Amino acid sequence: MISKEITIVNTSGLHARPATFFIQKANTYKSQVWVEKEDRRVSAKSLLGVLSLGIAKGMTVTIIADGMDENAAVNGLAELIDSGFSEI
């Protein structure tokens, strides 16, 4: 199991369209993947779960993965967040 903290940089945070891209990317990995904000952890493969966290620009979240492609999952999702979902 590995994890990485990352700060949300895009304007709208993980809402609607960017959250959909995030979920689609998370679902390409075989590992179990979670997003954690403060004391709440949800599946990164669940749109409702991710939206329920209310992640806005400037917030820091932790991406956690456990499985055969955990490194690729954490790094791939972190790169997607760092890219700003093409909104920066």
N, C-alpha and C. Protein backbone atom coordinates (compact mmCIF):
# COMPACT_ATOMS: atom_id res chain seq x y z
N MET A 1 0.85 -1.18 0.00
CA MET A 1 0.00 0.00 0.00
C MET A 1 0.89 1.23 0.00
N ILE A 2 0.57 2.17 -0.90
CA ILE A 2 1.32 3.43 -0.94
C ILE A 2 0.33 4.59 -0.97
N SER A 3 0.83 5.78 -0.62
CA SER A 3 -0.03 6.96 -0.63
C SER A 3 0.80 8.18 -1.00
N LYS A 4 0.08 9.22 -1.42
CA LYS A 4 0.74 10.47 -1.80
C LYS A 4 -0.23 11.62 -1.54
N GLU A 5 0.28 12.65 -0.88
CA GLU A 5 -0.52 13.87 -0.67
C GLU A 5 -0.35 14.77 -1.87
N ILE A 6 -1.45 15.39 -2.27
CA ILE A 6 -1.41 16.28 -3.42
C ILE A 6 -2.41 17.42 -3.22
N THR A 7 -2.06 18.59 -3.71
CA THR A 7 -2.92 19.77 -3.60
C THR A 7 -3.68 19.96 -4.91
N ILE A 8 -4.96 20.22 -4.79
CA ILE A 8 -5.81 20.44 -5.95
C ILE A 8 -5.52 21.82 -6.52
N VAL A 9 -5.20 21.89 -7.83
CA VAL A 9 -4.79 23.15 -8.44
C VAL A 9 -5.80 23.72 -9.43
N ASN A 10 -6.74 22.90 -9.90
CA ASN A 10 -7.67 23.42 -10.90
C ASN A 10 -8.76 24.26 -10.25
N THR A 11 -9.36 25.13 -11.02
CA THR A 11 -10.32 26.11 -10.54
C THR A 11 -11.53 25.51 -9.83
N SER A 12 -12.09 24.45 -10.38
CA SER A 12 -13.34 23.91 -9.83
C SER A 12 -13.14 22.76 -8.86
N GLY A 13 -11.91 22.42 -8.55
CA GLY A 13 -11.66 21.30 -7.64
C GLY A 13 -12.11 19.99 -8.27
N LEU A 14 -12.47 19.01 -7.45
CA LEU A 14 -12.94 17.73 -7.97
C LEU A 14 -14.46 17.72 -7.98
N HIS A 15 -15.02 18.50 -8.86
CA HIS A 15 -16.47 18.59 -9.02
C HIS A 15 -16.83 18.24 -10.45
N ALA A 16 -17.97 17.61 -10.65
CA ALA A 16 -18.56 17.29 -11.95
C ALA A 16 -17.55 16.77 -12.98
N ARG A 17 -17.18 17.61 -13.94
CA ARG A 17 -16.34 17.15 -15.04
C ARG A 17 -14.97 16.63 -14.59
N PRO A 18 -14.21 17.38 -13.77
CA PRO A 18 -12.91 16.86 -13.36
C PRO A 18 -13.04 15.57 -12.53
N ALA A 19 -14.06 15.49 -11.71
CA ALA A 19 -14.26 14.27 -10.92
C ALA A 19 -14.53 13.08 -11.83
N THR A 20 -15.27 13.30 -12.90
CA THR A 20 -15.54 12.23 -13.86
C THR A 20 -14.24 11.74 -14.49
N PHE A 21 -13.38 12.67 -14.90
CA PHE A 21 -12.07 12.27 -15.46
C PHE A 21 -11.26 11.49 -14.43
N PHE A 22 -11.30 11.95 -13.19
CA PHE A 22 -10.56 11.30 -12.11
C PHE A 22 -11.05 9.87 -11.91
N ILE A 23 -12.36 9.68 -11.87
CA ILE A 23 -12.95 8.35 -11.67
C ILE A 23 -12.61 7.43 -12.84
N GLN A 24 -12.72 7.96 -14.06
CA GLN A 24 -12.39 7.16 -15.25
C GLN A 24 -10.94 6.69 -15.20
N LYS A 25 -10.04 7.58 -14.80
CA LYS A 25 -8.62 7.22 -14.70
C LYS A 25 -8.43 6.17 -13.60
N ALA A 26 -9.06 6.37 -12.45
CA ALA A 26 -8.93 5.43 -11.33
C ALA A 26 -9.40 4.03 -11.73
N ASN A 27 -10.44 3.97 -12.55
CA ASN A 27 -10.99 2.68 -12.96
C ASN A 27 -10.13 1.95 -13.97
N THR A 28 -9.07 2.58 -14.48
CA THR A 28 -8.17 1.88 -15.40
C THR A 28 -7.15 1.02 -14.64
N TYR A 29 -7.10 1.17 -13.32
CA TYR A 29 -6.15 0.42 -12.51
C TYR A 29 -6.83 -0.76 -11.81
N LYS A 30 -6.09 -1.83 -11.65
CA LYS A 30 -6.59 -3.02 -10.97
C LYS A 30 -6.58 -2.86 -9.45
N SER A 31 -5.68 -2.04 -8.95
CA SER A 31 -5.55 -1.82 -7.51
C SER A 31 -6.80 -1.17 -6.93
N GLN A 32 -6.98 -1.37 -5.63
CA GLN A 32 -7.99 -0.59 -4.92
C GLN A 32 -7.39 0.79 -4.71
N VAL A 33 -8.19 1.81 -4.98
CA VAL A 33 -7.69 3.18 -4.89
C VAL A 33 -8.69 4.01 -4.08
N TRP A 34 -8.16 4.82 -3.18
CA TRP A 34 -8.99 5.68 -2.35
C TRP A 34 -8.50 7.12 -2.41
N VAL A 35 -9.41 8.03 -2.09
CA VAL A 35 -9.07 9.44 -1.89
C VAL A 35 -9.45 9.76 -0.46
N GLU A 36 -8.54 10.43 0.22
CA GLU A 36 -8.78 10.77 1.63
C GLU A 36 -8.65 12.28 1.81
N LYS A 37 -9.65 12.86 2.46
CA LYS A 37 -9.62 14.28 2.82
C LYS A 37 -9.94 14.36 4.30
N GLU A 38 -9.00 14.89 5.05
CA GLU A 38 -9.11 14.97 6.50
C GLU A 38 -9.35 13.57 7.05
N ASP A 39 -10.51 13.31 7.64
CA ASP A 39 -10.73 11.99 8.26
C ASP A 39 -11.67 11.12 7.44
N ARG A 40 -11.98 11.51 6.20
CA ARG A 40 -12.89 10.72 5.35
C ARG A 40 -12.14 10.08 4.20
N ARG A 41 -12.40 8.81 3.98
CA ARG A 41 -11.77 8.07 2.89
C ARG A 41 -12.88 7.43 2.05
N VAL A 42 -12.79 7.66 0.72
CA VAL A 42 -13.78 7.08 -0.20
C VAL A 42 -13.05 6.41 -1.35
N SER A 43 -13.76 5.54 -2.03
CA SER A 43 -13.20 4.89 -3.21
C SER A 43 -12.99 5.93 -4.30
N ALA A 44 -11.82 5.92 -4.91
CA ALA A 44 -11.53 6.82 -6.02
C ALA A 44 -12.26 6.38 -7.28
N LYS A 45 -12.90 5.23 -7.22
CA LYS A 45 -13.63 4.70 -8.37
C LYS A 45 -15.13 4.97 -8.27
N SER A 46 -15.53 5.74 -7.26
CA SER A 46 -16.94 6.06 -7.03
C SER A 46 -17.17 7.56 -7.20
N LEU A 47 -17.96 7.92 -8.22
CA LEU A 47 -18.24 9.33 -8.46
C LEU A 47 -18.94 9.96 -7.26
N LEU A 48 -19.96 9.31 -6.74
CA LEU A 48 -20.66 9.87 -5.58
C LEU A 48 -19.74 10.01 -4.38
N GLY A 49 -18.86 9.04 -4.18
CA GLY A 49 -17.92 9.11 -3.07
C GLY A 49 -16.99 10.30 -3.19
N VAL A 50 -16.41 10.48 -4.37
CA VAL A 50 -15.47 11.58 -4.58
C VAL A 50 -16.20 12.92 -4.46
N LEU A 51 -17.38 13.03 -5.07
CA LEU A 51 -18.13 14.28 -4.97
C LEU A 51 -18.54 14.61 -3.54
N SER A 52 -18.80 13.56 -2.74
CA SER A 52 -19.23 13.78 -1.36
C SER A 52 -18.15 14.42 -0.49
N LEU A 53 -16.89 14.35 -0.93
CA LEU A 53 -15.81 14.96 -0.16
C LEU A 53 -15.77 16.48 -0.30
N GLY A 54 -16.40 17.01 -1.34
CA GLY A 54 -16.41 18.47 -1.52
C GLY A 54 -15.03 19.05 -1.68
N ILE A 55 -14.23 18.47 -2.55
CA ILE A 55 -12.83 18.88 -2.72
C ILE A 55 -12.75 20.11 -3.61
N ALA A 56 -12.24 21.21 -3.08
CA ALA A 56 -12.13 22.47 -3.79
C ALA A 56 -10.67 22.83 -4.05
N LYS A 57 -10.49 23.83 -4.88
CA LYS A 57 -9.14 24.30 -5.22
C LYS A 57 -8.38 24.67 -3.95
N GLY A 58 -7.12 24.26 -3.89
CA GLY A 58 -6.26 24.58 -2.76
C GLY A 58 -6.27 23.55 -1.64
N MET A 59 -7.24 22.65 -1.66
CA MET A 59 -7.30 21.60 -0.63
C MET A 59 -6.26 20.53 -0.92
N THR A 60 -5.80 19.89 0.13
CA THR A 60 -4.86 18.78 0.00
C THR A 60 -5.59 17.49 0.29
N VAL A 61 -5.38 16.52 -0.59
CA VAL A 61 -5.97 15.19 -0.42
C VAL A 61 -4.85 14.16 -0.47
N THR A 62 -5.17 12.97 -0.02
CA THR A 62 -4.22 11.87 -0.10
C THR A 62 -4.80 10.81 -1.02
N ILE A 63 -4.00 10.38 -1.97
CA ILE A 63 -4.38 9.28 -2.86
C ILE A 63 -3.70 8.03 -2.31
N ILE A 64 -4.46 6.99 -2.11
CA ILE A 64 -3.96 5.75 -1.53
C ILE A 64 -4.30 4.61 -2.48
N ALA A 65 -3.34 3.73 -2.71
CA ALA A 65 -3.60 2.57 -3.57
C ALA A 65 -2.98 1.33 -2.96
N ASP A 66 -3.65 0.20 -3.21
CA ASP A 66 -3.18 -1.08 -2.72
C ASP A 66 -3.47 -2.13 -3.79
N GLY A 67 -2.40 -2.73 -4.31
CA GLY A 67 -2.58 -3.76 -5.33
C GLY A 67 -1.39 -3.85 -6.25
N MET A 68 -1.57 -4.63 -7.30
CA MET A 68 -0.46 -4.94 -8.20
C MET A 68 0.07 -3.73 -8.98
N ASP A 69 -0.77 -2.74 -9.26
CA ASP A 69 -0.32 -1.55 -9.99
C ASP A 69 -0.47 -0.28 -9.15
N GLU A 70 -0.24 -0.42 -7.84
CA GLU A 70 -0.45 0.69 -6.92
C GLU A 70 0.42 1.90 -7.23
N ASN A 71 1.68 1.68 -7.61
CA ASN A 71 2.55 2.81 -7.94
C ASN A 71 2.02 3.57 -9.15
N ALA A 72 1.64 2.84 -10.18
CA ALA A 72 1.09 3.46 -11.39
C ALA A 72 -0.20 4.21 -11.07
N ALA A 73 -1.03 3.65 -10.21
CA ALA A 73 -2.30 4.27 -9.86
C ALA A 73 -2.07 5.61 -9.15
N VAL A 74 -1.25 5.60 -8.12
CA VAL A 74 -1.01 6.83 -7.36
C VAL A 74 -0.34 7.88 -8.24
N ASN A 75 0.67 7.47 -8.99
CA ASN A 75 1.38 8.43 -9.83
C ASN A 75 0.51 8.95 -10.97
N GLY A 76 -0.27 8.08 -11.59
CA GLY A 76 -1.15 8.49 -12.68
C GLY A 76 -2.21 9.47 -12.23
N LEU A 77 -2.82 9.20 -11.08
CA LEU A 77 -3.85 10.10 -10.56
C LEU A 77 -3.24 11.42 -10.08
N ALA A 78 -2.06 11.36 -9.51
CA ALA A 78 -1.38 12.59 -9.07
C ALA A 78 -1.03 13.45 -10.28
N GLU A 79 -0.58 12.83 -11.37
CA GLU A 79 -0.27 13.59 -12.59
C GLU A 79 -1.53 14.24 -13.15
N LEU A 80 -2.64 13.53 -13.12
CA LEU A 80 -3.90 14.09 -13.60
C LEU A 80 -4.29 15.32 -12.79
N ILE A 81 -4.17 15.23 -11.48
CA ILE A 81 -4.49 16.37 -10.62
C ILE A 81 -3.53 17.52 -10.89
N ASP A 82 -2.23 17.22 -10.99
CA ASP A 82 -1.23 18.25 -11.26
C ASP A 82 -1.45 18.95 -12.60
N SER A 83 -2.04 18.24 -13.56
CA SER A 83 -2.30 18.82 -14.88
C SER A 83 -3.41 19.87 -14.81
N GLY A 84 -4.17 19.87 -13.71
CA GLY A 84 -5.27 20.82 -13.56
C GLY A 84 -6.47 20.47 -14.40
N PHE A 85 -6.51 19.25 -14.92
CA PHE A 85 -7.62 18.79 -15.74
C PHE A 85 -7.85 19.75 -16.91
N SER A 86 -6.77 20.36 -17.40
CA SER A 86 -6.82 21.32 -18.51
C SER A 86 -7.66 22.55 -18.21
N GLU A 87 -7.75 22.91 -16.93
CA GLU A 87 -8.53 24.08 -16.54
C GLU A 87 -7.68 25.24 -16.07
N ILE A 88 -6.40 25.03 -15.86
CA ILE A 88 -5.56 26.08 -15.28
C ILE A 88 -5.41 27.24 -16.25
